[in-house]
Structures are given as C-alpha cells and as structure tokens.
Amino acid sequence: MLEYADLGIETFIFSGYPHLQEAYRIDELLFGRLPLENIPVVEL
C-alpha cells in the first residue's frame, strides 16, 4: 500500500463482494448521480 501511496493514490476500497443491502445503497446513492444519458445502449 505504501508503494501505491507513493504513486499518489490516496483512497483504497477494501471490500469483498457487495451484499444485497449494499447493492441497494449504491443504486440509491451513486447511480442517481451518474451522467448516464450519454452512455450507448447495448442490446444483447
């Protein structure tokens, strides 16, 4: 981690997989703030 800090990285996220409650929180708090109108829709 010190090597990353020396490169200027200041924030680290230490987590495993997101739990369902955390996934809902990300949806509510993060996705609503992202500028998604310019992202192309990809149909599968």
PDB file of N, CA and C in Angstrom:
ATOM      1  N   MET A   1       0.811  -1.183   0.000  1.00  0.00           N
ATOM      2  CA  MET A   1       0.000   0.000   0.000  1.00  0.00           C
ATOM      3  C   MET A   1       0.859   1.254   0.000  1.00  0.00           C
ATOM      4  N   LEU A   2       1.975   1.179   0.649  1.00  0.00           N
ATOM      5  CA  LEU A   2       2.854   2.352   0.668  1.00  0.00           C
ATOM      6  C   LEU A   2       3.346   2.696  -0.731  1.00  0.00           C
ATOM      7  N   GLU A   3       3.569   1.683  -1.544  1.00  0.00           N
ATOM      8  CA  GLU A   3       4.006   1.941  -2.921  1.00  0.00           C
ATOM      9  C   GLU A   3       2.910   2.654  -3.708  1.00  0.00           C
ATOM     10  N   TYR A   4       1.664   2.259  -3.507  1.00  0.00           N
ATOM     11  CA  TYR A   4       0.552   2.946  -4.157  1.00  0.00           C
ATOM     12  C   TYR A   4       0.454   4.381  -3.653  1.00  0.00           C
ATOM     13  N   ALA A   5       0.613   4.578  -2.359  1.00  0.00           N
ATOM     14  CA  ALA A   5       0.563   5.922  -1.794  1.00  0.00           C
ATOM     15  C   ALA A   5       1.675   6.786  -2.377  1.00  0.00           C
ATOM     16  N   ASP A   6       2.837   6.189  -2.588  1.00  0.00           N
ATOM     17  CA  ASP A   6       3.942   6.935  -3.197  1.00  0.00           C
ATOM     18  C   ASP A   6       3.608   7.367  -4.619  1.00  0.00           C
ATOM     19  N   LEU A   7       2.727   6.622  -5.289  1.00  0.00           N
ATOM     20  CA  LEU A   7       2.305   6.976  -6.647  1.00  0.00           C
ATOM     21  C   LEU A   7       1.202   8.029  -6.652  1.00  0.00           C
ATOM     22  N   GLY A   8       0.720   8.380  -5.463  1.00  0.00           N
ATOM     23  CA  GLY A   8      -0.301   9.416  -5.373  1.00  0.00           C
ATOM     24  C   GLY A   8      -1.703   8.898  -5.112  1.00  0.00           C
ATOM     25  N   ILE A   9      -1.848   7.595  -4.964  1.00  0.00           N
ATOM     26  CA  ILE A   9      -3.167   7.043  -4.675  1.00  0.00           C
ATOM     27  C   ILE A   9      -3.481   7.297  -3.216  1.00  0.00           C
ATOM     28  N   GLU A  10      -4.632   7.936  -2.979  1.00  0.00           N
ATOM     29  CA  GLU A  10      -4.986   8.335  -1.622  1.00  0.00           C
ATOM     30  C   GLU A  10      -6.147   7.546  -1.040  1.00  0.00           C
ATOM     31  N   THR A  11      -6.918   6.885  -1.881  1.00  0.00           N
ATOM     32  CA  THR A  11      -8.116   6.206  -1.412  1.00  0.00           C
ATOM     33  C   THR A  11      -8.063   4.732  -1.778  1.00  0.00           C
ATOM     34  N   PHE A  12      -8.381   3.900  -0.835  1.00  0.00           N
ATOM     35  CA  PHE A  12      -8.420   2.465  -1.045  1.00  0.00           C
ATOM     36  C   PHE A  12      -9.787   1.955  -0.622  1.00  0.00           C
ATOM     37  N   ILE A  13     -10.339   1.034  -1.373  1.00  0.00           N
ATOM     38  CA  ILE A  13     -11.596   0.396  -1.008  1.00  0.00           C
ATOM     39  C   ILE A  13     -11.300  -1.066  -0.739  1.00  0.00           C
ATOM     40  N   PHE A  14     -11.479  -1.466   0.490  1.00  0.00           N
ATOM     41  CA  PHE A  14     -11.235  -2.844   0.880  1.00  0.00           C
ATOM     42  C   PHE A  14     -12.582  -3.512   1.122  1.00  0.00           C
ATOM     43  N   SER A  15     -13.008  -4.292   0.169  1.00  0.00           N
ATOM     44  CA  SER A  15     -14.280  -4.991   0.336  1.00  0.00           C
ATOM     45  C   SER A  15     -14.251  -6.263  -0.488  1.00  0.00           C
ATOM     46  N   GLY A  16     -15.103  -7.155  -0.104  1.00  0.00           N
ATOM     47  CA  GLY A  16     -15.281  -8.374  -0.871  1.00  0.00           C
ATOM     48  C   GLY A  16     -16.385  -8.138  -1.877  1.00  0.00           C
ATOM     49  N   TYR A  17     -17.314  -9.005  -1.921  1.00  0.00           N
ATOM     50  CA  TYR A  17     -18.451  -8.829  -2.816  1.00  0.00           C
ATOM     51  C   TYR A  17     -19.514  -7.991  -2.102  1.00  0.00           C
ATOM     52  N   PRO A  18     -20.291  -7.228  -2.859  1.00  0.00           N
ATOM     53  CA  PRO A  18     -21.306  -6.396  -2.205  1.00  0.00           C
ATOM     54  C   PRO A  18     -22.493  -7.240  -1.740  1.00  0.00           C
ATOM     55  N   HIS A  19     -22.919  -6.998  -0.548  1.00  0.00           N
ATOM     56  CA  HIS A  19     -24.109  -7.649  -0.037  1.00  0.00           C
ATOM     57  C   HIS A  19     -25.334  -6.964  -0.640  1.00  0.00           C
ATOM     58  N   LEU A  20     -26.470  -7.610  -0.598  1.00  0.00           N
ATOM     59  CA  LEU A  20     -27.673  -7.077  -1.227  1.00  0.00           C
ATOM     60  C   LEU A  20     -28.015  -5.687  -0.709  1.00  0.00           C
ATOM     61  N   GLN A  21     -27.929  -5.484   0.590  1.00  0.00           N
ATOM     62  CA  GLN A  21     -28.247  -4.178   1.161  1.00  0.00           C
ATOM     63  C   GLN A  21     -27.278  -3.106   0.640  1.00  0.00           C
ATOM     64  N   GLU A  22     -26.018  -3.443   0.499  1.00  0.00           N
ATOM     65  CA  GLU A  22     -25.035  -2.501  -0.038  1.00  0.00           C
ATOM     66  C   GLU A  22     -25.308  -2.208  -1.505  1.00  0.00           C
ATOM     67  N   ALA A  23     -25.732  -3.216  -2.260  1.00  0.00           N
ATOM     68  CA  ALA A  23     -26.059  -3.004  -3.669  1.00  0.00           C
ATOM     69  C   ALA A  23     -27.219  -2.022  -3.811  1.00  0.00           C
ATOM     70  N   TYR A  24     -28.237  -2.147  -2.967  1.00  0.00           N
ATOM     71  CA  TYR A  24     -29.352  -1.200  -2.994  1.00  0.00           C
ATOM     72  C   TYR A  24     -28.877   0.207  -2.649  1.00  0.00           C
ATOM     73  N   ARG A  25     -27.985   0.321  -1.681  1.00  0.00           N
ATOM     74  CA  ARG A  25     -27.481   1.633  -1.279  1.00  0.00           C
ATOM     75  C   ARG A  25     -26.680   2.280  -2.406  1.00  0.00           C
ATOM     76  N   ILE A  26     -25.889   1.503  -3.102  1.00  0.00           N
ATOM     77  CA  ILE A  26     -25.135   2.031  -4.245  1.00  0.00           C
ATOM     78  C   ILE A  26     -26.091   2.529  -5.310  1.00  0.00           C
ATOM     79  N   ASP A  27     -27.161   1.762  -5.554  1.00  0.00           N
ATOM     80  CA  ASP A  27     -28.152   2.180  -6.531  1.00  0.00           C
ATOM     81  C   ASP A  27     -28.777   3.511  -6.132  1.00  0.00           C
ATOM     82  N   GLU A  28     -29.157   3.649  -4.890  1.00  0.00           N
ATOM     83  CA  GLU A  28     -29.835   4.857  -4.434  1.00  0.00           C
ATOM     84  C   GLU A  28     -28.900   6.066  -4.356  1.00  0.00           C
ATOM     85  N   LEU A  29     -27.683   5.866  -3.869  1.00  0.00           N
ATOM     86  CA  LEU A  29     -26.796   6.992  -3.604  1.00  0.00           C
ATOM     87  C   LEU A  29     -25.834   7.320  -4.740  1.00  0.00           C
ATOM     88  N   LEU A  30     -25.490   6.349  -5.572  1.00  0.00           N
ATOM     89  CA  LEU A  30     -24.478   6.579  -6.602  1.00  0.00           C
ATOM     90  C   LEU A  30     -25.064   6.676  -7.999  1.00  0.00           C
ATOM     91  N   PHE A  31     -25.836   5.690  -8.400  1.00  0.00           N
ATOM     92  CA  PHE A  31     -26.293   5.648  -9.783  1.00  0.00           C
ATOM     93  C   PHE A  31     -27.139   6.856 -10.160  1.00  0.00           C
ATOM     94  N   GLY A  32     -27.891   7.384  -9.208  1.00  0.00           N
ATOM     95  CA  GLY A  32     -28.697   8.564  -9.491  1.00  0.00           C
ATOM     96  C   GLY A  32     -27.870   9.806  -9.777  1.00  0.00           C
ATOM     97  N   ARG A  33     -26.620   9.795  -9.405  1.00  0.00           N
ATOM     98  CA  ARG A  33     -25.736  10.960  -9.620  1.00  0.00           C
ATOM     99  C   ARG A  33     -24.864  10.825 -10.863  1.00  0.00           C
ATOM    100  N   LEU A  34     -24.858   9.664 -11.487  1.00  0.00           N
ATOM    101  CA  LEU A  34     -24.012   9.458 -12.660  1.00  0.00           C
ATOM    102  C   LEU A  34     -24.670  10.023 -13.914  1.00  0.00           C
ATOM    103  N   PRO A  35     -23.881  10.646 -14.790  1.00  0.00           N
ATOM    104  CA  PRO A  35     -24.432  11.168 -16.042  1.00  0.00           C
ATOM    105  C   PRO A  35     -24.611  10.030 -17.051  1.00  0.00           C
ATOM    106  N   LEU A  36     -25.710   9.326 -16.957  1.00  0.00           N
ATOM    107  CA  LEU A  36     -25.928   8.140 -17.777  1.00  0.00           C
ATOM    108  C   LEU A  36     -26.579   8.429 -19.122  1.00  0.00           C
ATOM    109  N   GLU A  37     -26.964   9.667 -19.372  1.00  0.00           N
ATOM    110  CA  GLU A  37     -27.686   9.957 -20.617  1.00  0.00           C
ATOM    111  C   GLU A  37     -26.813   9.800 -21.863  1.00  0.00           C
ATOM    112  N   ASN A  38     -25.500   9.832 -21.724  1.00  0.00           N
ATOM    113  CA  ASN A  38     -24.609   9.728 -22.887  1.00  0.00           C
ATOM    114  C   ASN A  38     -24.051   8.326 -23.096  1.00  0.00           C
ATOM    115  N   ILE A  39     -24.482   7.375 -22.309  1.00  0.00           N
ATOM    116  CA  ILE A  39     -23.973   6.007 -22.435  1.00  0.00           C
ATOM    117  C   ILE A  39     -24.824   5.255 -23.457  1.00  0.00           C
ATOM    118  N   PRO A  40     -24.208   4.697 -24.485  1.00  0.00           N
ATOM    119  CA  PRO A  40     -24.992   3.986 -25.512  1.00  0.00           C
ATOM    120  C   PRO A  40     -25.624   2.708 -24.933  1.00  0.00           C
ATOM    121  N   VAL A  41     -26.787   2.384 -25.436  1.00  0.00           N
ATOM    122  CA  VAL A  41     -27.490   1.174 -25.018  1.00  0.00           C
ATOM    123  C   VAL A  41     -27.003   0.021 -25.875  1.00  0.00           C
ATOM    124  N   VAL A  42     -26.618  -1.065 -25.262  1.00  0.00           N
ATOM    125  CA  VAL A  42     -26.156  -2.253 -25.977  1.00  0.00           C
ATOM    126  C   VAL A  42     -27.209  -3.338 -25.821  1.00  0.00           C
ATOM    127  N   GLU A  43     -27.758  -3.783 -26.930  1.00  0.00           N
ATOM    128  CA  GLU A  43     -28.754  -4.840 -26.897  1.00  0.00           C
ATOM    129  C   GLU A  43     -28.062  -6.174 -27.064  1.00  0.00           C
ATOM    130  N   LEU A  44     -28.468  -7.126 -26.245  1.00  0.00           N
ATOM    131  CA  LEU A  44     -27.864  -8.458 -26.302  1.00  0.00           C
ATOM    132  C   LEU A  44     -28.670  -9.394 -27.146  1.00  0.00           C
TER     133      LEU A  44
END
